[in-house]
Amino acid sequence: MTLPWIPDAPAREKTRRVRRRRLAGAVALLLTGTVVVLPPAQSTMAAWTDTEYGTGSLQAGTVSPPTNLQCTAGLATPPTFTWSLPVGGLTRSGFTWSLSGGFSGGGTLAATATSVTVPGALLSVGSGTFQLVANGPGGWTSTPVTGTIGMLTVLLYSCSVP
């Protein structure tokens, strides 16, 4: 026998579900109303000014390239390039030379260097280009000066400067 004021178990479960749905609906309406009523976000641009001044000086400069590039080579004599030190321009920290074309290699030289002999081991039969630049402060370099090098046989080298 069931008591009239206590519903049976399935009816109680149904009542609970109905209450949960009504509560969820009320919460959803409340949240929707809150979102609609909220004002839009305001701009956060800074609104201050400051007047400070600085001074400085700039000086343009160039790294002067080596001048008077010459070369010698011959039978069992690998190419040797000579040059005159640049006059004027920014202070040099050294020179960098490199090979391209049919050859690869290179190196760095002191700021007072006036010659370099290209090792025969870097050359093979064929021709390529020798390039020399002066290095200045801050990684600046001069315009390159170039020459042509070649190896005709294992013992016969050649070079020229335009």
Protein backbone atom coordinates (compact mmCIF):
# COMPACT_ATOMS: atom_id res chain seq x y z
CA MET A 1 0.00 0.00 0.00
CA THR A 2 1.17 3.48 -0.77
CA LEU A 3 0.55 6.50 1.26
CA PRO A 4 -1.40 9.21 -0.62
CA TRP A 5 0.98 12.06 0.26
CA ILE A 6 4.15 10.14 -0.81
CA PRO A 7 4.26 9.56 -4.55
CA ASP A 8 5.77 6.34 -5.80
CA ALA A 9 9.43 6.24 -6.94
CA PRO A 10 8.93 6.82 -10.72
CA ALA A 11 6.76 9.85 -10.09
CA ARG A 12 9.35 11.31 -7.68
CA GLU A 13 12.09 10.87 -10.29
CA LYS A 14 9.91 12.58 -12.90
CA THR A 15 9.31 15.49 -10.53
CA ARG A 16 13.05 15.85 -9.92
CA ARG A 17 13.77 15.94 -13.67
CA VAL A 18 11.14 18.60 -14.21
CA ARG A 19 12.61 20.72 -11.38
CA ARG A 20 16.15 20.34 -12.79
CA ARG A 21 14.99 21.44 -16.24
CA ARG A 22 13.18 24.45 -14.83
CA LEU A 23 16.26 25.40 -12.76
CA ALA A 24 18.57 25.01 -15.80
CA GLY A 25 16.22 27.16 -17.87
CA ALA A 26 16.14 29.86 -15.19
CA VAL A 27 19.96 29.89 -14.95
CA ALA A 28 20.25 30.09 -18.75
CA LEU A 29 17.84 33.05 -18.85
CA LEU A 30 19.74 34.78 -16.07
CA LEU A 31 23.08 34.34 -17.83
CA THR A 32 21.66 35.46 -21.19
CA GLY A 33 20.23 38.58 -19.59
CA THR A 34 23.58 39.36 -17.93
CA VAL A 35 25.49 39.08 -21.21
CA VAL A 36 23.02 41.31 -23.04
CA VAL A 37 23.12 43.96 -20.31
CA LEU A 38 26.95 44.13 -20.00
CA PRO A 39 28.47 47.22 -21.65
CA PRO A 40 31.08 46.71 -24.42
CA ALA A 41 34.76 46.75 -23.50
CA GLN A 42 36.34 50.20 -23.33
CA SER A 43 39.46 51.26 -25.25
CA THR A 44 42.67 51.08 -23.28
CA MET A 45 44.78 53.50 -25.30
CA ALA A 46 47.29 55.36 -23.13
CA ALA A 47 46.40 58.97 -22.58
CA TRP A 48 49.66 60.49 -21.40
CA THR A 49 52.37 62.50 -23.06
CA ASP A 50 55.97 63.08 -22.19
CA THR A 51 58.44 65.50 -23.67
CA GLU A 52 62.01 64.31 -23.51
CA TYR A 53 64.67 65.18 -25.99
CA GLY A 54 67.96 63.59 -26.81
CA THR A 55 70.91 64.62 -28.86
CA GLY A 56 73.52 62.68 -30.72
CA SER A 57 75.68 62.77 -33.75
CA LEU A 58 76.15 60.47 -36.68
CA GLN A 59 79.09 60.24 -38.94
CA ALA A 60 79.02 58.52 -42.27
CA GLY A 61 82.03 56.50 -43.20
CA THR A 62 83.26 53.93 -45.62
CA VAL A 63 85.79 51.16 -45.45
CA SER A 64 88.23 51.89 -48.24
CA PRO A 65 89.18 48.91 -50.43
CA PRO A 66 92.76 47.80 -51.04
CA THR A 67 94.38 49.46 -54.06
CA ASN A 68 96.90 48.46 -56.70
CA LEU A 69 96.04 44.72 -56.66
CA GLN A 70 98.66 42.66 -58.53
CA CYS A 71 99.47 38.99 -58.84
CA THR A 72 102.27 36.64 -59.80
CA ALA A 73 102.16 32.92 -60.58
CA GLY A 74 104.07 30.43 -62.68
CA LEU A 75 105.65 27.00 -62.84
CA ALA A 76 105.42 25.45 -59.33
CA THR A 77 104.58 28.94 -58.00
CA PRO A 78 101.00 29.25 -56.70
CA PRO A 79 99.31 32.63 -57.19
CA THR A 80 100.43 35.42 -54.87
CA PHE A 81 98.34 38.57 -54.70
CA THR A 82 99.82 41.84 -53.46
CA TRP A 83 98.14 45.20 -52.83
CA SER A 84 98.65 48.61 -51.29
CA LEU A 85 96.97 49.48 -48.03
CA PRO A 86 93.92 51.71 -48.42
CA VAL A 87 94.27 55.36 -47.58
CA GLY A 88 91.51 57.08 -45.59
CA GLY A 89 88.16 55.65 -44.63
CA LEU A 90 87.30 53.91 -41.40
CA THR A 91 89.92 52.05 -39.43
CA ARG A 92 90.51 48.56 -40.78
CA SER A 93 90.48 45.52 -38.53
CA GLY A 94 91.89 43.22 -41.21
CA PHE A 95 91.27 41.70 -44.63
CA THR A 96 89.24 38.70 -45.79
CA TRP A 97 90.03 36.81 -48.98
CA SER A 98 87.99 34.11 -50.68
CA LEU A 99 87.92 31.93 -53.76
CA SER A 100 84.92 31.20 -55.96
CA GLY A 101 84.14 29.75 -59.34
CA GLY A 102 85.93 26.43 -59.67
CA PHE A 103 87.66 26.80 -56.28
CA SER A 104 86.70 27.20 -52.64
CA GLY A 105 88.58 28.47 -49.63
CA GLY A 106 89.72 31.68 -48.05
CA GLY A 107 90.97 33.26 -44.88
CA THR A 108 91.55 36.37 -42.84
CA LEU A 109 94.62 38.57 -42.69
CA ALA A 110 95.95 41.26 -40.35
CA ALA A 111 95.11 44.93 -40.89
CA THR A 112 98.68 45.59 -42.08
CA ALA A 113 98.89 42.63 -44.52
CA THR A 114 99.83 43.47 -48.10
CA SER A 115 99.99 40.01 -49.69
CA VAL A 116 98.60 36.49 -49.64
CA THR A 117 99.69 33.33 -51.42
CA VAL A 118 96.81 31.07 -52.41
CA PRO A 119 97.80 27.54 -51.35
CA GLY A 120 98.03 25.16 -54.30
CA ALA A 121 96.03 22.60 -52.28
CA LEU A 122 92.94 24.83 -52.68
CA LEU A 123 93.26 24.80 -56.46
CA SER A 124 92.51 22.20 -59.07
CA VAL A 125 92.76 22.24 -62.85
CA GLY A 126 90.48 25.05 -64.00
CA SER A 127 89.93 28.70 -63.18
CA GLY A 128 88.14 30.81 -60.60
CA THR A 129 88.01 34.16 -58.90
CA PHE A 130 90.05 35.62 -56.05
CA GLN A 131 88.26 38.28 -53.96
CA LEU A 132 89.71 40.56 -51.29
CA VAL A 133 87.82 42.95 -48.96
CA ALA A 134 88.95 45.21 -46.14
CA ASN A 135 87.09 44.71 -42.86
CA GLY A 136 86.05 47.71 -40.79
CA PRO A 137 84.26 48.32 -37.50
CA GLY A 138 80.85 46.83 -36.81
CA GLY A 139 81.13 44.17 -39.51
CA TRP A 140 81.36 46.72 -42.34
CA THR A 141 83.41 45.71 -45.38
CA SER A 142 84.82 47.51 -48.37
CA THR A 143 83.86 46.88 -51.95
CA PRO A 144 85.72 43.80 -53.15
CA VAL A 145 88.74 43.83 -55.42
CA THR A 146 89.05 40.74 -57.59
CA GLY A 147 91.45 38.81 -59.71
CA THR A 148 91.32 35.63 -61.79
CA ILE A 149 93.31 32.55 -60.85
CA GLY A 150 93.87 29.33 -62.70
CA MET A 151 95.67 26.04 -62.65
CA LEU A 152 96.65 24.69 -66.06
CA THR A 153 98.40 21.55 -64.83
CA VAL A 154 99.40 20.26 -61.42
CA LEU A 155 102.49 22.52 -61.51
CA LEU A 156 101.47 25.44 -63.76
CA TYR A 157 99.49 28.27 -62.15
CA SER A 158 98.19 31.52 -63.60
CA CYS A 159 96.56 34.71 -62.37
CA SER A 160 95.49 38.10 -63.67
CA VAL A 161 93.99 41.31 -62.33
CA PRO A 162 91.61 43.37 -64.45
